[in-house]
Amino acid sequence: MRATPGLLYKGFFSRSLDELKRLSNIALKMEGIKGPSGPLPMHSFDGPEGVADCKLMCDVDIGGYSKASLDWVPPAQHSPPPLPLDPAASPRRHMTPAHARFHGSISTALPPHRPDIQRSGFAAWRTLDRPPTVFGRAVWDIDMYTYLALRVKSDGRSYFVNVQTESVVPSDLHQHRLFARRPGEWETVLVKWNDFVRTNHGFVVEPQTEMLRQKVKSVGIGLTDRVPGPFELCIQSMWATNDPNEADSHEEESQTANAAEGKLKNKSGKNIKWSED
């Protein structure tokens, strides 16, 4: 089914009106002078449209054998088992928030009829490029924020947060390890925007250049540890913030706990160690 020109026209001007309201609100609150008055929502999985607005990637696209899915999970209530000290007590009901479930299985097997493929074993997803408005293509301006915040439940594997901007080189990514400290539990993780590393096709770009913070196009998460087996990461939302107290644990502590060494390599093949500052 093809959308009618009227619907497309309405969508374009509806987005433009929303963008005008957002810019006007920034001007009225003088956030350019005083700084932002609160966090900047970037992407949420409150509804199934949150998953529909994402792109899933996997080495199957190049003939590999990994499997990956990004599914929307509606909110649900559940009751934890009673504590042993008080088995007669009525357990409190907890709400599992709506979220996306990124899951599948990693395989490092190479396609037999593709000698040009030397590496496989990856899966990732990212938000789609935001549609244009009368003010141009919509992007996130996170220049006034210190952290990227992610509400996640991890299985403990070595995931990366991937950020793409309107770079001169379209294939450039800014990456950082997602240091989750409580696998199997919901937690808020903060990553400093200044700590992202510029990469291209999995290798660190030298010399490094600063992220174009005024023009962030997409945010996503990838798994490239090339460890065969199942994976699962749940994510509720992502936002930019200046409040370090939003984190359940600070990024620097997580880096120390994870030996502060990631899977990214430079052109010499040496692993990149994350700064602990």
Foldseek 3Di string as FASTA:
>chain_A
DDDDPVVVVVVQAVVQVVVVVVVVVCVVVVCVPVNDPWWFFDAFLQDQVSVVQKDKDFCVVVVDDWDKDKDKDAKDKDFDQDDPVCNPDGTDIDIDHIWIKIKTWFDFDDHPVCPVDDTHTKIKMKGHFAPAYPVGGDFAQLVRFFKKKWWKAFQPAWKKKWWAFPDPDRQKIFIDTQQDDDHPDIWMAIDTQQQTFIDGPQAGDPPTDHDPNGTIGMIMMMHDPNDTTMTIMITGGMITGHDQVRGPDYPLVSCVVVVQWHDGYHPVRDTDGGDSD
